[in-house]
């Protein structure tokens, strides 16, 4: 069946969004591959469905996200901000006027406090991303396949195929992240990420694959980041990854409790106290690009 969609992005991390309150999707994984194609489809980093919450879950909506290769991800920070905008602006479900909005994800139910812009629509969203997951076994990562460095959460990982080794700080925000610090984010760094991103994503130490982030520290409260997202490759922004970067910075003593992250698509603001029991908070925009109908 044809379905209506909304193309949205958070700092250029773009997905095809669909209303699952009034439409059904028999095979969203296959559909994600089709619609994400930059030449033959709508184009995007994947497909995200806004659905009614599951029975017994106290939430206003549920998010399911599928990467461009059809694999289903647990969470997407930029995606969940856009789901908030989709639910509120397009009036999906009975709870669309609630603020904060509660969205069920693979990480649990998250609270999203949104701001309305001059056009009467959601412009900015602050997300309670829940506490980070720091146990390597729950990231998940197989520490026996890496070398410890003696620094918190940090292991030496070799990129298969070229012999380059990276010190990666491992954090989960409901999905797995490897944070790698570099002297400078430059064109050379971008090329290196393109060369090694996929090899690190599929490294045998990571049973559910991993997202990779190259980070340059500019100041205690400022970083520059490049992203390789599991199932999608290089993206202009990664919300959960930027949260992981802020957590890794605190754990390794590189950054403080509030960080502005400069991503290829724009800036995100991340806050974390450093207490493992405390939530990470992410603030950033959500933007609607266009709407359309995908044919059968």
Protein backbone atom coordinates (compact mmCIF):
# COMPACT_ATOMS: atom_id res chain seq x y z
CA UNK A 1 0.00 0.00 0.00
CA UNK A 2 1.18 3.57 -0.62
CA UNK A 3 1.92 5.56 2.53
CA UNK A 4 2.40 9.21 3.39
CA UNK A 5 5.74 10.25 4.84
CA UNK A 6 7.49 13.27 6.30
CA UNK A 7 11.16 13.85 5.53
CA UNK A 8 12.82 15.28 8.63
CA UNK A 9 16.30 15.77 9.99
CA UNK A 10 18.17 16.61 13.16
CA UNK A 11 21.25 18.58 12.09
CA UNK A 12 21.31 16.78 8.75
CA UNK A 13 20.89 13.30 10.24
CA UNK A 14 17.92 12.66 7.93
CA UNK A 15 15.29 9.94 8.04
CA UNK A 16 12.02 9.17 6.36
CA UNK A 17 9.32 9.40 9.05
CA UNK A 18 5.93 7.75 8.84
CA UNK A 19 2.72 7.91 10.87
CA UNK A 20 2.13 4.44 12.29
CA UNK A 21 -0.97 5.57 14.17
CA UNK A 22 -3.08 5.52 11.01
CA UNK A 23 -0.93 3.40 8.65
CA UNK A 24 0.50 -0.11 8.89
CA UNK A 25 3.83 -1.47 7.62
CA UNK A 26 4.20 -5.20 6.92
CA UNK A 27 7.96 -5.21 6.33
CA UNK A 28 9.57 -1.99 7.61
CA UNK A 29 13.11 -3.40 7.31
CA UNK A 30 12.71 -3.95 3.57
CA UNK A 31 10.94 -0.63 3.20
CA UNK A 32 13.82 1.16 4.96
CA UNK A 33 16.26 -0.10 2.34
CA UNK A 34 14.00 1.07 -0.50
CA UNK A 35 13.14 4.53 0.78
CA UNK A 36 16.65 5.34 2.07
CA UNK A 37 18.36 4.95 -1.30
CA UNK A 38 19.79 8.36 -2.24
CA UNK A 39 19.25 7.83 -5.98
CA UNK A 40 16.31 5.45 -6.32
CA UNK A 41 14.29 6.29 -3.21
CA UNK A 42 13.42 9.28 -1.05
CA UNK A 43 16.93 9.35 0.39
CA UNK A 44 17.92 9.23 4.03
CA UNK A 45 19.84 7.54 6.82
CA UNK A 46 16.91 5.21 7.40
CA UNK A 47 13.22 4.90 8.21
CA UNK A 48 11.58 5.86 11.52
CA UNK A 49 8.02 4.95 12.47
CA UNK A 50 5.95 6.87 15.03
CA UNK A 51 3.55 4.31 16.53
CA UNK A 52 1.11 3.98 19.41
CA UNK A 53 2.89 2.76 22.56
CA UNK A 54 2.76 -0.92 23.36
CA UNK A 55 0.03 -2.14 25.71
CA UNK A 56 0.75 -1.31 29.33
CA UNK A 57 3.46 1.27 28.51
CA UNK A 58 2.86 4.78 29.88
CA UNK A 59 3.90 6.82 26.84
CA UNK A 60 2.42 9.10 24.20
CA UNK A 61 4.09 7.40 21.24
CA UNK A 62 6.58 4.69 20.30
CA UNK A 63 9.58 5.01 18.01
CA UNK A 64 11.00 2.23 15.82
CA UNK A 65 14.05 3.09 13.76
CA UNK A 66 15.57 1.19 10.86
CA UNK A 67 18.96 1.98 9.38
CA UNK A 68 19.55 2.38 5.66
CA UNK A 69 20.64 -1.28 5.44
CA UNK A 70 17.36 -2.45 7.01
CA UNK A 71 18.81 -3.30 10.43
CA UNK A 72 16.77 -2.10 13.39
CA UNK A 73 18.49 0.16 15.90
CA UNK A 74 17.67 0.51 19.57
CA UNK A 75 17.75 4.31 19.67
CA UNK A 76 18.46 7.44 17.67
CA UNK A 77 18.94 10.74 19.48
CA UNK A 78 18.33 12.97 16.48
CA UNK A 79 15.50 10.67 15.45
CA UNK A 80 13.66 10.83 18.74
CA UNK A 81 13.67 14.65 18.63
CA UNK A 82 12.08 14.48 15.18
CA UNK A 83 9.51 11.93 16.38
CA UNK A 84 8.55 14.47 19.04
CA UNK A 85 8.09 17.10 16.33
CA UNK A 86 6.13 14.67 14.15
CA UNK A 87 3.74 13.71 16.97
CA UNK A 88 3.14 17.30 18.11
CA UNK A 89 3.06 19.13 14.77
CA UNK A 90 1.00 16.45 13.00
CA UNK A 91 -1.20 15.76 16.05
CA UNK A 92 -0.61 12.01 16.30
CA UNK A 93 -2.30 10.23 19.19
CA UNK A 94 -4.22 11.50 22.21
CA UNK A 95 -1.08 12.69 24.02
CA UNK A 96 0.30 14.97 21.30
CA UNK A 97 -0.26 18.11 23.42
CA UNK A 98 1.72 16.81 26.40
CA UNK A 99 4.94 18.62 27.28
CA UNK A 100 7.14 16.88 28.14
CA UNK A 101 6.22 14.19 25.65
CA UNK A 102 6.94 10.56 26.61
CA UNK A 103 8.24 8.37 23.79
CA UNK A 104 8.81 4.62 24.07
CA UNK A 105 12.11 3.54 22.50
CA UNK A 106 14.41 0.54 22.59
CA UNK A 107 16.06 2.31 25.53
CA UNK A 108 12.82 2.63 27.46
CA UNK A 109 10.46 5.60 27.78
CA UNK A 110 12.22 8.93 27.32
CA UNK A 111 10.94 12.38 28.32
CA UNK A 112 11.23 15.17 25.74
CA UNK A 113 10.67 18.82 26.64
CA UNK A 114 10.05 20.87 23.51
CA UNK A 115 9.96 24.54 22.57
CA UNK A 116 7.54 26.01 20.03
CA UNK A 117 9.03 28.31 17.40
CA UNK A 118 7.65 31.44 15.77
CA UNK A 119 5.82 29.30 13.21
CA UNK A 120 3.82 27.56 15.95
CA UNK A 121 5.69 24.29 15.49
CA UNK A 122 8.30 22.38 17.47
CA UNK A 123 11.73 23.95 17.00
CA UNK A 124 14.01 22.75 19.79
CA UNK A 125 13.87 19.62 21.97
CA UNK A 126 15.66 18.72 25.23
CA UNK A 127 15.77 14.96 25.74
CA UNK A 128 16.35 13.06 28.97
CA UNK A 129 18.45 10.29 27.43
CA UNK A 130 18.61 8.20 30.65
CA UNK A 131 21.91 7.26 32.34
CA UNK A 132 24.74 5.87 30.19
CA UNK A 133 25.51 2.15 30.19
CA UNK A 134 29.15 1.69 31.18
CA UNK A 135 29.54 -2.04 31.75
CA UNK A 136 31.49 -3.23 28.66
CA UNK A 137 29.54 -6.50 28.68
CA UNK A 138 26.31 -4.49 28.32
CA UNK A 139 27.60 -2.13 25.62
CA UNK A 140 28.07 -4.93 24.43
CA UNK A 141 31.78 -5.48 23.86
CA UNK A 142 33.96 -8.56 24.20
CA UNK A 143 36.94 -7.26 26.15
CA UNK A 144 38.94 -10.44 25.50
CA UNK A 145 39.19 -9.36 21.85
CA UNK A 146 40.73 -5.98 22.77
CA UNK A 147 43.63 -4.71 24.89
CA UNK A 148 42.94 -2.63 28.01
CA UNK A 149 44.69 0.73 28.27
CA UNK A 150 44.31 1.32 32.01
CA UNK A 151 42.04 4.31 31.32
CA UNK A 152 38.32 4.17 32.16
CA UNK A 153 36.24 2.30 29.57
CA UNK A 154 39.11 2.50 27.07
CA UNK A 155 40.55 -0.36 25.00
CA UNK A 156 42.90 -0.73 22.04
CA UNK A 157 40.99 -1.92 18.98
CA UNK A 158 42.70 -2.85 15.73
CA UNK A 159 40.93 -2.08 12.47
CA UNK A 160 40.97 -5.35 10.52
CA UNK A 161 42.71 -5.13 7.19
CA UNK A 162 45.19 -2.30 7.64
CA UNK A 163 46.80 -2.79 11.05
CA UNK A 164 45.84 0.64 12.40
CA UNK A 165 45.05 0.54 16.11
CA UNK A 166 42.74 2.91 17.96
CA UNK A 167 42.16 3.66 21.63
CA UNK A 168 38.37 3.52 21.91
CA UNK A 169 36.32 4.57 24.93
CA UNK A 170 33.19 2.41 24.99
CA UNK A 171 29.78 3.75 26.05
CA UNK A 172 26.22 2.63 25.38
CA UNK A 173 23.30 5.04 25.23
CA UNK A 174 20.97 2.14 24.49
CA UNK A 175 23.06 1.50 21.39
CA UNK A 176 26.83 0.90 21.32
CA UNK A 177 29.46 3.59 20.73
CA UNK A 178 33.23 3.72 20.36
CA UNK A 179 34.69 7.18 21.02
CA UNK A 180 38.14 7.73 19.50
CA UNK A 181 40.12 10.91 20.24
CA UNK A 182 42.22 12.43 17.46
CA UNK A 183 44.56 15.44 17.44
CA UNK A 184 42.50 17.21 14.80
CA UNK A 185 39.33 16.65 12.82
CA UNK A 186 40.52 17.33 9.28
CA UNK A 187 40.06 16.06 5.74
CA UNK A 188 42.66 13.39 6.53
CA UNK A 189 40.55 12.30 9.51
CA UNK A 190 37.46 12.08 7.32
CA UNK A 191 39.27 9.85 4.85
CA UNK A 192 40.53 7.66 7.69
CA UNK A 193 37.00 7.29 9.06
CA UNK A 194 35.76 6.29 5.61
CA UNK A 195 38.56 3.72 5.37
CA UNK A 196 38.21 2.24 8.86
CA UNK A 197 34.61 2.97 9.93
CA UNK A 198 33.11 -0.18 8.48
CA UNK A 199 35.98 -2.39 9.71
CA UNK A 200 35.52 -1.07 13.25
CA UNK A 201 31.71 -1.34 13.02
CA UNK A 202 32.01 -5.05 12.23
CA UNK A 203 34.99 -5.76 14.53
CA UNK A 204 34.59 -9.16 16.26
CA UNK A 205 34.78 -7.41 19.64
CA UNK A 206 31.34 -5.90 19.03
CA UNK A 207 28.62 -8.56 18.73
CA UNK A 208 25.91 -6.01 17.84
CA UNK A 209 28.32 -3.92 15.73
CA UNK A 210 29.20 -0.41 16.89
CA UNK A 211 28.95 3.28 16.04
CA UNK A 212 32.31 5.03 15.68
CA UNK A 213 33.09 8.67 16.54
CA UNK A 214 36.32 10.59 15.90
CA UNK A 215 36.61 13.48 18.38
CA UNK A 216 38.84 16.55 18.63
CA UNK A 217 38.76 18.31 22.02
CA UNK A 218 38.76 22.09 21.51
CA UNK A 219 38.18 23.09 25.15
CA UNK A 220 36.73 21.69 28.37
CA UNK A 221 33.27 22.57 27.05
CA UNK A 222 33.73 22.19 23.31
CA UNK A 223 34.47 19.32 20.90
CA UNK A 224 34.36 18.59 17.18
CA UNK A 225 33.02 15.19 16.08
CA UNK A 226 32.80 12.99 12.98
CA UNK A 227 30.37 10.06 12.99
CA UNK A 228 30.21 6.61 11.44
CA UNK A 229 26.79 5.13 12.21
CA UNK A 230 26.12 1.43 12.34
CA UNK A 231 24.07 0.43 9.31
CA UNK A 232 24.28 3.85 7.62
CA UNK A 233 27.94 4.87 7.38
CA UNK A 234 29.07 8.51 7.70
CA UNK A 235 26.29 10.86 8.84
CA UNK A 236 26.08 14.59 9.49
CA UNK A 237 25.04 14.07 13.12
CA UNK A 238 24.43 11.33 15.68
CA UNK A 239 22.55 12.23 18.85
CA UNK A 240 23.27 9.15 20.95
CA UNK A 241 26.86 9.21 19.68
CA UNK A 242 27.32 12.81 20.78
CA UNK A 243 25.96 11.87 24.20
CA UNK A 244 28.50 9.04 24.32
CA UNK A 245 31.24 11.53 23.39
CA UNK A 246 30.28 13.77 26.32
CA UNK A 247 30.22 10.79 28.71
CA UNK A 248 33.59 9.56 27.43
CA UNK A 249 35.04 13.03 27.88
CA UNK A 250 33.99 13.13 31.52
CA UNK A 251 35.19 9.58 32.19
CA UNK A 252 38.64 10.27 30.74
CA UNK A 253 38.98 13.77 32.19
CA UNK A 254 39.03 15.55 28.84
CA UNK A 255 35.82 17.59 29.13
CA UNK A 256 33.47 18.91 31.77
CA UNK A 257 29.78 18.38 32.61
CA UNK A 258 28.42 20.53 29.77
CA UNK A 259 29.72 20.31 26.21
CA UNK A 260 28.86 21.95 22.91
CA UNK A 261 29.61 19.47 20.13
CA UNK A 262 30.26 20.75 16.62
CA UNK A 263 29.02 18.12 14.16
CA UNK A 264 29.11 18.29 10.35
CA UNK A 265 25.40 19.18 10.43
CA UNK A 266 25.46 21.68 13.30
CA UNK A 267 25.73 21.87 17.08
CA UNK A 268 24.32 19.79 19.94
CA UNK A 269 24.44 20.66 23.64
CA UNK A 270 25.06 17.73 26.00
CA UNK A 271 24.99 17.75 29.81
CA UNK A 272 26.01 14.99 32.23
CA UNK A 273 27.00 15.27 35.89
CA UNK A 274 29.53 12.43 35.78
CA UNK A 275 27.47 10.33 38.20
CA UNK A 276 26.76 6.99 36.47
CA UNK A 277 23.24 7.00 37.94
CA UNK A 278 22.35 10.40 36.44
CA UNK A 279 20.74 10.99 33.05
CA UNK A 280 22.46 12.52 30.06
CA UNK A 281 20.56 15.48 28.58
CA UNK A 282 20.70 16.39 24.90
CA UNK A 283 19.35 19.62 23.39
CA UNK A 284 19.04 20.27 19.68
CA UNK A 285 16.74 21.16 16.79
CA UNK A 286 14.26 19.11 14.77
CA UNK A 287 13.47 20.17 11.22
CA UNK A 288 10.82 19.13 8.71
CA UNK A 289 12.03 19.20 5.10
CA UNK A 290 9.04 18.02 3.03
CA UNK A 291 6.13 15.59 2.88
CA UNK A 292 5.05 13.13 0.20
CA UNK A 293 3.49 9.80 -0.73
CA UNK A 294 5.57 6.68 -1.32
CA UNK A 295 3.97 4.55 -4.05
CA UNK A 296 3.10 0.88 -3.61
